[in-house]
Amino acid sequence: MFDQLSKRLTGSLDRLRGRGRLTEENIREAMREVRVALLEADVALPVVKDFIAQTTERAVGQEVVGSLKPGQALVKVVHEELKRVLGGDQASLQLDQAPPAVILLAGLQGAGKTTTAGKLARLLKQRHNKKVLLTSCDIYRPAAIDQLETLASQVEVDFFRAASTDDAVAIAEEAVVQARRQFADVLILDTAGRLAVDEAMMDEIRRVHARVEPSEVLFVVDSMTGQDAANTARAFHEALPLSGVVLTKTDGDARGGAALSVRQITGAPIKFLGTGEKLDGLEPFHPDRLASRILGMGDVLSLVEEVERKVDKKQAAKLASKVGKGSRRFGMDDLRDQLKQMENMGGLGSLVDKLPGMNRLPEAARAQMDDRQTRRMIAIINSMTPNERRYPDLIKGSRKRRIALGSGTQIQDVNRLLKQHKQMQKMMKKVGNKGAMSKLLKRLPGGGFPGM
């Protein structure tokens, strides 16, 4: 989401980092470049003005100019200001009340509220061990109720379909009663989306809010809308006491302006980032981690947490046991398992984004880190026979042609995969022959990934 902004910011700061002494003049020159970068990222003008003013004031003071390492001190100041604009500390959901705690979702039509309701239910169930009930208060879109019921089934939580279908307030009241009957910990209410800030519909959601008194009112906004996201959030915040924001579609070609604008304009903290259509694509928002990613410092903490959550520990232990045991022990099935685990973690692109310094990679190098390549490799392995997967040396001319035809790829792709597998065999044997490295690999939750 922040690729272009990250490149512009790190480029401007890198030019100053190498200087032994910084002056007010070259700091202000760098801040002008930062200002342009923020405006190009579609950050709201008032936010840009405040950010530049605060950063410049701190930078031209003793904090940077008088520092022994002014370049590093400037990066630190920019990082702290980015963190401040993004919200400071992480804001978690406030659910510490007598159950059921009610979460009300609001936003424009098409922002992804219904999908977010399903994702949030899954997250609360799996990571917080909450019993969740989902209900739709959308009386205008006929398919909305059915869609949410399907999502509830997919994430294995309860769904309540109200008897009345023409009164959103009545539906919300019935849902609260049902949640108490079922001893649900959390009730998530999905409301009707609005094509614009419609006064009649805003009045409806105000009445729903007044009747159920929710613990959380989350504004769901499409990050692709840029500055409009902040303006819409302001309108909703005037109608409702928003307690948080969920930014959706952050994996799209967004410039990042919404994330940097919404918090400061509304005063409501960003609590979650949504990615893609998969129901595991919702993550808590950490301002400090995102500030680090924007400045090219990576986000290793999030990467470690993701590995701990999503990597299959049994498969990792199985792979670790094969390290150093000879090349025959590491077959194509093992390589496929590693590729699938990488996909479960969001693909190679998601992993790369969290590693420090990766924003400085040339475009050609980043283009090669395409998740389509991972899927192509899995398809090639699936087209092999069990014996071929176990003994890849059997794969010669006619077998290569059959595998390429079956996987919809070229013989060159098959050759490339076989070569990569051979290199991994050699690498793992060398690693395994070094006792300390072998022990370390066995302790890692992922057991290693292709190409590491």
Protein backbone atom coordinates (compact mmCIF):
# COMPACT_ATOMS: atom_id res chain seq x y z
CA MET A 1 0.00 0.00 0.00
CA PHE A 2 2.89 2.40 0.72
CA ASP A 3 5.39 1.39 -1.97
CA GLN A 4 5.71 4.77 -3.72
CA LEU A 5 5.56 6.79 -0.49
CA SER A 6 8.18 4.53 1.08
CA LYS A 7 10.57 4.97 -1.85
CA ARG A 8 10.19 8.75 -1.87
CA LEU A 9 10.65 9.12 1.88
CA THR A 10 13.62 6.78 2.19
CA GLY A 11 15.23 8.39 -0.85
CA SER A 12 14.95 11.87 0.68
CA LEU A 13 16.25 10.74 4.06
CA ASP A 14 19.09 8.65 2.58
CA ARG A 15 20.48 11.74 0.88
CA LEU A 16 20.79 13.41 4.28
CA ARG A 17 21.83 10.33 6.26
CA GLY A 18 25.34 10.28 4.82
CA ARG A 19 26.14 13.90 5.68
CA GLY A 20 28.32 14.58 8.67
CA ARG A 21 26.45 17.78 9.48
CA LEU A 22 22.87 18.87 8.83
CA THR A 23 21.78 22.47 8.51
CA GLU A 24 18.37 24.09 8.69
CA GLU A 25 18.54 24.70 4.95
CA ASN A 26 19.08 21.09 3.83
CA ILE A 27 16.58 19.79 6.40
CA ARG A 28 13.91 22.16 5.07
CA GLU A 29 14.80 21.10 1.53
CA ALA A 30 14.28 17.45 2.48
CA MET A 31 10.99 18.33 4.17
CA ARG A 32 9.78 19.89 0.90
CA GLU A 33 10.41 16.55 -0.82
CA VAL A 34 8.59 14.74 1.98
CA ARG A 35 5.66 17.15 1.58
CA VAL A 36 5.40 16.33 -2.15
CA ALA A 37 5.64 12.59 -1.39
CA LEU A 38 2.77 12.81 1.13
CA LEU A 39 0.56 14.82 -1.22
CA GLU A 40 1.21 12.33 -4.05
CA ALA A 41 0.15 9.56 -1.64
CA ASP A 42 -3.23 11.35 -1.37
CA VAL A 43 -2.76 12.37 2.26
CA ALA A 44 -5.17 15.15 3.27
CA LEU A 45 -3.59 18.62 3.10
CA PRO A 46 -4.22 19.57 6.78
CA VAL A 47 -2.48 16.35 7.85
CA VAL A 48 0.49 17.06 5.56
CA LYS A 49 0.86 20.61 6.91
CA ASP A 50 0.79 19.41 10.51
CA PHE A 51 3.24 16.57 9.86
CA ILE A 52 5.77 18.83 8.07
CA ALA A 53 5.49 21.56 10.71
CA GLN A 54 5.99 19.18 13.64
CA THR A 55 8.85 17.27 11.98
CA THR A 56 10.67 20.44 10.87
CA GLU A 57 10.37 22.01 14.32
CA ARG A 58 11.95 18.98 15.96
CA ALA A 59 14.53 18.45 13.21
CA VAL A 60 16.00 21.97 13.15
CA GLY A 61 16.26 21.98 16.93
CA GLN A 62 19.04 20.47 19.01
CA GLU A 63 17.43 17.03 18.62
CA VAL A 64 18.92 16.62 15.12
CA VAL A 65 21.26 19.49 14.24
CA GLY A 66 23.14 19.10 17.53
CA SER A 67 23.28 15.31 17.33
CA LEU A 68 26.53 13.39 16.83
CA LYS A 69 24.73 11.28 14.18
CA PRO A 70 22.26 13.76 12.66
CA GLY A 71 21.17 11.46 9.81
CA GLN A 72 20.04 8.75 12.21
CA ALA A 73 18.46 11.33 14.51
CA LEU A 74 16.40 12.71 11.60
CA VAL A 75 15.13 9.25 10.67
CA LYS A 76 14.14 8.74 14.31
CA VAL A 77 12.21 12.03 14.35
CA VAL A 78 10.36 11.19 11.10
CA HIS A 79 9.56 7.69 12.44
CA GLU A 80 8.11 9.10 15.68
CA GLU A 81 6.05 11.71 13.80
CA LEU A 82 4.68 9.05 11.43
CA LYS A 83 3.77 6.94 14.44
CA ARG A 84 2.01 9.94 16.02
CA VAL A 85 -0.02 10.68 12.88
CA LEU A 86 -0.98 7.00 12.60
CA GLY A 87 -2.29 6.97 16.15
CA GLY A 88 0.60 6.43 18.55
CA ASP A 89 -0.04 3.20 20.46
CA GLN A 90 -2.10 0.28 19.23
CA ALA A 91 -5.81 0.60 20.03
CA SER A 92 -7.46 -2.72 20.82
CA LEU A 93 -11.17 -3.54 21.00
CA GLN A 94 -12.88 -2.63 24.27
CA LEU A 95 -14.91 -5.71 25.09
CA ASP A 96 -14.43 -5.86 28.86
CA GLN A 97 -18.08 -5.55 29.85
CA ALA A 98 -20.98 -7.79 30.77
CA PRO A 99 -21.71 -9.95 27.69
CA PRO A 100 -22.81 -9.57 25.06
CA ALA A 101 -20.45 -6.80 23.98
CA VAL A 102 -21.98 -5.25 20.85
CA ILE A 103 -19.83 -4.19 17.86
CA LEU A 104 -21.63 -1.95 15.36
CA LEU A 105 -20.17 -1.72 11.83
CA ALA A 106 -20.90 1.39 9.74
CA GLY A 107 -19.73 2.71 6.38
CA LEU A 108 -20.51 3.39 2.74
CA GLN A 109 -21.81 0.74 0.36
CA GLY A 110 -19.03 -1.32 -1.19
CA ALA A 111 -16.49 -0.61 1.57
CA GLY A 112 -16.48 -4.27 2.63
CA LYS A 113 -18.55 -4.19 5.85
CA THR A 114 -20.18 -7.60 5.45
CA THR A 115 -16.89 -9.34 4.63
CA THR A 116 -15.23 -7.48 7.53
CA ALA A 117 -17.98 -8.74 9.87
CA GLY A 118 -17.10 -12.32 8.92
CA LYS A 119 -13.36 -11.70 9.24
CA LEU A 120 -13.78 -10.03 12.63
CA ALA A 121 -15.94 -12.91 13.90
CA ARG A 122 -13.24 -15.37 12.84
CA LEU A 123 -10.48 -13.35 14.51
CA LEU A 124 -12.39 -13.01 17.80
CA LYS A 125 -13.21 -16.71 17.85
CA GLN A 126 -9.76 -18.04 16.96
CA ARG A 127 -7.42 -15.59 18.69
CA HIS A 128 -9.55 -14.46 21.66
CA ASN A 129 -11.69 -17.57 22.20
CA LYS A 130 -14.92 -15.56 22.08
CA LYS A 131 -18.38 -16.94 21.32
CA VAL A 132 -19.63 -14.69 18.52
CA LEU A 133 -23.11 -14.05 17.09
CA LEU A 134 -23.49 -12.33 13.69
CA THR A 135 -26.59 -10.39 12.61
CA SER A 136 -27.42 -8.25 9.59
CA CYS A 137 -29.46 -5.07 10.07
CA ASP A 138 -29.44 -4.33 6.33
CA ILE A 139 -33.09 -4.08 5.28
CA TYR A 140 -32.33 -2.60 1.84
CA ARG A 141 -30.06 -5.15 0.14
CA PRO A 142 -31.89 -8.53 -0.05
CA ALA A 143 -28.70 -10.57 -0.50
CA ALA A 144 -26.94 -8.96 2.48
CA ILE A 145 -28.55 -11.21 5.07
CA ASP A 146 -27.87 -14.38 3.05
CA GLN A 147 -24.27 -13.29 2.42
CA LEU A 148 -23.59 -12.78 6.12
CA GLU A 149 -25.24 -16.09 7.00
CA THR A 150 -22.92 -17.84 4.53
CA LEU A 151 -19.88 -16.12 6.04
CA ALA A 152 -21.01 -17.11 9.55
CA SER A 153 -21.16 -20.73 8.41
CA GLN A 154 -17.69 -20.51 6.86
CA VAL A 155 -16.06 -19.14 10.02
CA GLU A 156 -18.20 -21.46 12.19
CA VAL A 157 -19.97 -18.89 14.36
CA ASP A 158 -23.69 -18.46 15.12
CA PHE A 159 -25.98 -16.35 12.94
CA PHE A 160 -29.29 -14.76 13.91
CA ARG A 161 -31.98 -14.06 11.31
CA ALA A 162 -34.65 -11.76 12.77
CA ALA A 163 -38.36 -12.33 12.19
CA SER A 164 -38.89 -8.71 11.14
CA THR A 165 -37.13 -7.57 7.98
CA ASP A 166 -38.25 -3.96 7.59
CA ASP A 167 -37.01 -2.29 10.78
CA ALA A 168 -33.28 -2.14 11.49
CA VAL A 169 -33.79 -1.00 15.09
CA ALA A 170 -36.13 -3.92 15.84
CA ILE A 171 -33.66 -6.37 14.29
CA ALA A 172 -30.85 -5.01 16.47
CA GLU A 173 -32.98 -5.30 19.61
CA GLU A 174 -34.00 -8.90 18.79
CA ALA A 175 -30.34 -9.75 18.14
CA VAL A 176 -29.27 -8.49 21.58
CA VAL A 177 -31.97 -10.63 23.23
CA GLN A 178 -30.88 -13.67 21.21
CA ALA A 179 -27.22 -13.07 22.10
CA ARG A 180 -28.13 -13.14 25.80
CA ARG A 181 -30.10 -16.36 25.34
CA GLN A 182 -27.14 -18.04 23.61
CA PHE A 183 -24.62 -16.65 26.14
CA ALA A 184 -22.66 -15.04 23.31
CA ASP A 185 -19.62 -13.00 24.32
CA VAL A 186 -19.77 -10.69 21.30
CA LEU A 187 -22.59 -9.60 18.99
CA ILE A 188 -21.50 -8.10 15.64
CA LEU A 189 -24.15 -5.98 13.90
CA ASP A 190 -23.66 -5.37 10.18
CA THR A 191 -25.61 -2.29 9.03
CA ALA A 192 -26.78 -1.13 5.61
CA GLY A 193 -24.21 0.56 3.38
CA ARG A 194 -24.88 4.02 2.09
CA LEU A 195 -24.17 5.29 -1.42
CA ALA A 196 -23.53 8.72 0.09
CA VAL A 197 -24.00 10.37 3.44
CA ASP A 198 -27.78 10.05 3.35
CA GLU A 199 -29.51 11.87 6.24
CA ALA A 200 -32.41 9.39 6.55
CA MET A 201 -30.06 6.41 6.73
CA MET A 202 -27.74 8.23 9.10
CA ASP A 203 -30.73 8.83 11.35
CA GLU A 204 -31.50 5.08 11.20
CA ILE A 205 -28.03 4.07 12.34
CA ARG A 206 -28.15 6.72 15.08
CA ARG A 207 -31.36 5.12 16.38
CA VAL A 208 -29.79 1.64 16.24
CA HIS A 209 -26.82 2.97 18.20
CA ALA A 210 -29.04 4.61 20.83
CA ARG A 211 -31.07 1.42 21.34
CA VAL A 212 -28.25 -1.16 21.64
CA GLU A 213 -25.50 1.05 23.16
CA PRO A 214 -22.59 -0.77 21.47
CA SER A 215 -19.16 -1.19 23.05
CA GLU A 216 -17.52 -0.46 19.70
CA VAL A 217 -18.62 1.55 16.68
CA LEU A 218 -16.24 0.70 13.85
CA PHE A 219 -16.20 2.72 10.65
CA VAL A 220 -15.30 0.46 7.71
CA VAL A 221 -13.65 2.39 4.89
CA ASP A 222 -12.12 1.45 1.55
CA SER A 223 -8.45 2.53 1.60
CA MET A 224 -8.55 2.96 -2.20
CA THR A 225 -10.70 6.09 -1.81
CA GLY A 226 -7.77 8.20 -0.56
CA GLN A 227 -8.74 11.64 0.78
CA ASP A 228 -12.44 10.86 0.32
CA ALA A 229 -12.04 8.22 3.02
CA ALA A 230 -11.09 10.88 5.55
CA ASN A 231 -13.94 13.19 4.50
CA THR A 232 -16.52 10.39 4.76
CA ALA A 233 -15.09 9.32 8.12
CA ARG A 234 -15.53 12.88 9.38
CA ALA A 235 -19.22 12.86 8.35
CA PHE A 236 -19.84 9.54 10.12
CA HIS A 237 -17.93 10.70 13.18
CA GLU A 238 -20.25 13.72 13.45
CA ALA A 239 -23.26 11.38 13.38
CA LEU A 240 -21.87 8.59 15.57
CA PRO A 241 -19.26 8.35 18.33
CA LEU A 242 -16.81 6.26 16.29
CA SER A 243 -14.51 4.20 18.48
CA GLY A 244 -12.32 2.90 15.67
CA VAL A 245 -11.68 2.51 11.95
CA VAL A 246 -11.18 -0.59 9.79
CA LEU A 247 -9.25 0.07 6.57
CA THR A 248 -10.15 -2.49 3.89
CA LYS A 249 -8.53 -3.44 0.57
CA THR A 250 -5.09 -2.40 1.78
CA ASP A 251 -3.52 -4.99 -0.52
CA GLY A 252 -4.76 -3.07 -3.58
CA ASP A 253 -2.98 -0.31 -5.47
CA ALA A 254 -3.66 2.24 -2.76
CA ARG A 255 -1.32 5.15 -2.14
CA GLY A 256 -1.77 5.07 1.63
CA GLY A 257 -3.34 8.50 2.10
CA ALA A 258 -6.36 7.11 3.95
CA ALA A 259 -4.26 5.50 6.68
CA LEU A 260 -2.34 8.72 7.30
CA SER A 261 -5.44 10.95 7.16
CA VAL A 262 -8.31 9.16 8.92
CA ARG A 263 -6.77 9.05 12.40
CA GLN A 264 -5.93 12.74 12.62
CA ILE A 265 -9.12 14.05 10.98
CA THR A 266 -11.59 11.95 13.00
CA GLY A 267 -9.70 11.30 16.20
CA ALA A 268 -10.80 7.64 15.92
CA PRO A 269 -7.91 5.16 15.94
CA ILE A 270 -7.36 2.65 13.14
CA LYS A 271 -7.90 -0.76 14.76
CA PHE A 272 -7.70 -3.21 11.85
CA LEU A 273 -6.34 -3.54 8.32
CA GLY A 274 -8.25 -5.78 5.89
CA THR A 275 -6.64 -7.50 2.90
CA GLY A 276 -8.25 -9.54 0.13
CA GLU A 277 -11.40 -11.65 0.20
CA LYS A 278 -10.03 -14.51 2.32
CA LEU A 279 -11.54 -14.65 5.77
CA ASP A 280 -8.13 -14.66 7.48
CA GLY A 281 -7.29 -11.31 5.88
CA LEU A 282 -7.81 -9.05 8.90
CA GLU A 283 -4.96 -7.94 11.16
CA PRO A 284 -4.73 -5.62 14.18
CA PHE A 285 -3.21 -2.26 13.29
CA HIS A 286 0.13 -1.32 14.88
CA PRO A 287 1.11 2.34 14.18
CA ASP A 288 4.77 1.83 15.12
CA ARG A 289 5.14 -1.19 12.85
CA LEU A 290 3.54 0.54 9.88
CA ALA A 291 5.75 3.60 10.42
CA SER A 292 8.78 1.28 10.29
CA ARG A 293 7.56 -0.32 7.06
CA ILE A 294 7.01 3.07 5.42
CA LEU A 295 10.62 4.01 6.23
CA GLY A 296 11.96 0.72 4.86
CA MET A 297 12.75 -0.75 8.28
CA GLY A 298 10.51 -3.77 7.78
CA ASP A 299 8.10 -5.34 10.25
CA VAL A 300 9.83 -8.39 11.68
CA LEU A 301 7.51 -8.60 14.72
CA SER A 302 4.43 -9.06 12.52
CA LEU A 303 6.32 -11.59 10.41
CA VAL A 304 7.25 -13.66 13.48
CA GLU A 305 3.65 -13.54 14.78
CA GLU A 306 2.36 -14.65 11.38
CA VAL A 307 4.80 -17.57 11.25
CA GLU A 308 3.78 -18.66 14.75
CA ARG A 309 0.09 -18.57 13.82
CA LYS A 310 0.05 -19.98 10.32
CA VAL A 311 2.95 -22.39 9.96
CA ASP A 312 2.10 -26.05 10.42
CA LYS A 313 4.35 -27.14 13.31
CA LYS A 314 4.18 -30.84 12.40
CA GLN A 315 5.31 -30.20 8.83
CA ALA A 316 8.09 -27.92 10.09
CA ALA A 317 9.33 -30.62 12.48
CA LYS A 318 9.17 -33.20 9.69
CA LEU A 319 11.27 -30.98 7.43
CA ALA A 320 13.78 -30.20 10.19
CA SER A 321 14.29 -33.93 10.77
CA LYS A 322 15.40 -34.31 7.14
CA VAL A 323 18.07 -31.62 7.30
CA GLY A 324 21.52 -33.17 6.85
CA LYS A 325 20.12 -36.68 6.31
CA GLY A 326 21.11 -36.81 2.66
CA SER A 327 19.60 -35.37 -0.50
CA ARG A 328 17.13 -38.22 -1.03
CA ARG A 329 15.26 -37.37 2.14
CA PHE A 330 14.14 -33.96 0.86
CA GLY A 331 11.66 -34.62 -1.96
CA MET A 332 9.35 -32.58 -4.11
CA ASP A 333 6.50 -33.18 -1.64
CA ASP A 334 8.52 -31.35 1.01
CA LEU A 335 9.16 -28.46 -1.36
CA ARG A 336 5.44 -28.28 -2.17
CA ASP A 337 4.58 -28.22 1.56
CA GLN A 338 6.92 -25.26 2.05
CA LEU A 339 5.42 -23.41 -0.92
CA LYS A 340 1.89 -23.96 0.42
CA GLN A 341 2.89 -22.70 3.87
CA MET A 342 4.27 -19.58 2.19
CA GLU A 343 0.94 -19.11 0.41
CA ASN A 344 -0.91 -19.46 3.72
CA MET A 345 1.13 -16.57 5.06
CA GLY A 346 0.01 -14.27 2.25
CA GLY A 347 2.54 -15.25 -0.39
CA LEU A 348 6.09 -14.17 -1.11
CA GLY A 349 5.07 -10.55 -1.68
CA SER A 350 3.60 -10.30 1.82
CA LEU A 351 6.72 -11.77 3.39
CA VAL A 352 9.06 -9.50 1.44
CA ASP A 353 7.14 -6.37 2.47
CA LYS A 354 7.91 -7.14 6.13
CA LEU A 355 11.67 -7.54 5.66
CA PRO A 356 13.95 -4.53 6.29
CA GLY A 357 15.35 -2.72 3.25
CA MET A 358 13.22 -4.54 0.68
CA ASN A 359 11.71 -1.25 -0.57
CA ARG A 360 15.15 -0.47 -2.03
CA LEU A 361 15.11 -3.51 -4.32
CA PRO A 362 15.02 -2.70 -8.05
CA GLU A 363 11.64 -3.06 -9.76
CA ALA A 364 12.96 -5.98 -11.83
CA ALA A 365 13.89 -7.91 -8.69
CA ARG A 366 10.55 -7.22 -7.00
CA ALA A 367 8.70 -8.29 -10.15
CA GLN A 368 10.24 -11.74 -9.84
CA MET A 369 8.74 -12.10 -6.34
CA ASP A 370 5.37 -12.85 -7.86
CA ASP A 371 2.98 -15.23 -6.12
CA ARG A 372 1.97 -16.54 -9.54
CA GLN A 373 5.42 -18.14 -9.72
CA THR A 374 4.73 -19.98 -6.46
CA ARG A 375 1.40 -21.30 -7.77
CA ARG A 376 3.11 -22.36 -11.01
CA MET A 377 5.70 -24.36 -9.06
CA ILE A 378 2.96 -26.10 -7.04
CA ALA A 379 1.11 -26.98 -10.27
CA ILE A 380 4.28 -28.52 -11.72
CA ILE A 381 4.85 -30.66 -8.61
CA ASN A 382 1.19 -31.76 -8.63
CA SER A 383 1.63 -32.99 -12.21
CA MET A 384 4.38 -35.40 -11.14
CA THR A 385 3.74 -39.00 -10.12
CA PRO A 386 4.37 -39.94 -6.46
CA ASN A 387 7.54 -41.76 -7.53
CA GLU A 388 8.79 -38.72 -9.47
CA ARG A 389 8.16 -36.47 -6.50
CA ARG A 390 10.20 -38.78 -4.31
CA TYR A 391 12.99 -39.35 -6.86
CA PRO A 392 13.21 -36.20 -9.05
CA ASP A 393 16.33 -37.56 -10.81
CA LEU A 394 13.97 -39.86 -12.76
CA ILE A 395 12.52 -36.86 -14.59
CA LYS A 396 14.07 -36.74 -18.05
CA GLY A 397 12.94 -35.65 -21.53
CA SER A 398 9.56 -37.37 -22.06
CA ARG A 399 8.59 -37.03 -18.40
CA LYS A 400 9.38 -33.31 -18.49
CA ARG A 401 7.14 -32.85 -21.53
CA ARG A 402 4.29 -34.71 -19.81
CA ILE A 403 4.65 -32.69 -16.59
CA ALA A 404 4.78 -29.38 -18.50
CA LEU A 405 1.67 -30.30 -20.48
CA GLY A 406 -0.20 -31.41 -17.35
CA SER A 407 0.64 -28.23 -15.42
CA GLY A 408 0.10 -25.82 -18.32
CA THR A 409 3.71 -24.65 -18.20
CA GLN A 410 6.84 -24.82 -20.36
CA ILE A 411 9.67 -27.37 -20.18
CA GLN A 412 11.94 -24.48 -19.14
CA ASP A 413 9.74 -23.98 -16.06
CA VAL A 414 10.09 -27.65 -15.14
CA ASN A 415 13.88 -27.45 -15.59
CA ARG A 416 14.02 -24.34 -13.40
CA LEU A 417 12.06 -26.04 -10.61
CA LEU A 418 14.26 -29.15 -10.74
CA LYS A 419 17.37 -26.95 -10.53
CA GLN A 420 15.98 -25.02 -7.54
CA HIS A 421 15.11 -28.27 -5.79
CA LYS A 422 18.62 -29.58 -6.36
CA GLN A 423 20.10 -26.39 -4.91
CA MET A 424 17.87 -26.67 -1.85
CA GLN A 425 18.95 -30.28 -1.32
CA LYS A 426 22.60 -29.23 -1.29
CA MET A 427 21.95 -26.26 0.97
CA MET A 428 19.98 -28.31 3.50
CA LYS A 429 22.66 -31.00 3.59
CA LYS A 430 25.34 -28.37 4.29
CA VAL A 431 23.21 -26.75 6.98
CA GLY A 432 22.50 -30.11 8.56
CA ASN A 433 26.19 -31.00 8.71
CA LYS A 434 26.73 -28.00 10.99
CA GLY A 435 25.35 -29.09 14.35
CA ALA A 436 24.49 -25.65 15.65
CA MET A 437 22.69 -24.65 12.45
CA SER A 438 20.72 -27.89 12.46
CA LYS A 439 19.58 -27.30 16.04
CA LEU A 440 18.62 -23.72 15.22
CA LEU A 441 16.56 -24.78 12.18
CA LYS A 442 14.70 -27.34 14.27
CA ARG A 443 13.72 -24.62 16.74
CA LEU A 444 12.37 -22.28 14.05
CA PRO A 445 8.58 -22.58 13.63
CA GLY A 446 8.85 -22.50 9.83
CA GLY A 447 11.73 -24.91 9.37
CA GLY A 448 12.95 -22.59 6.61
CA PHE A 449 11.42 -21.41 3.33
CA PRO A 450 12.40 -21.97 -0.29
CA GLY A 451 15.33 -19.77 -1.24
CA MET A 452 16.39 -19.04 2.36
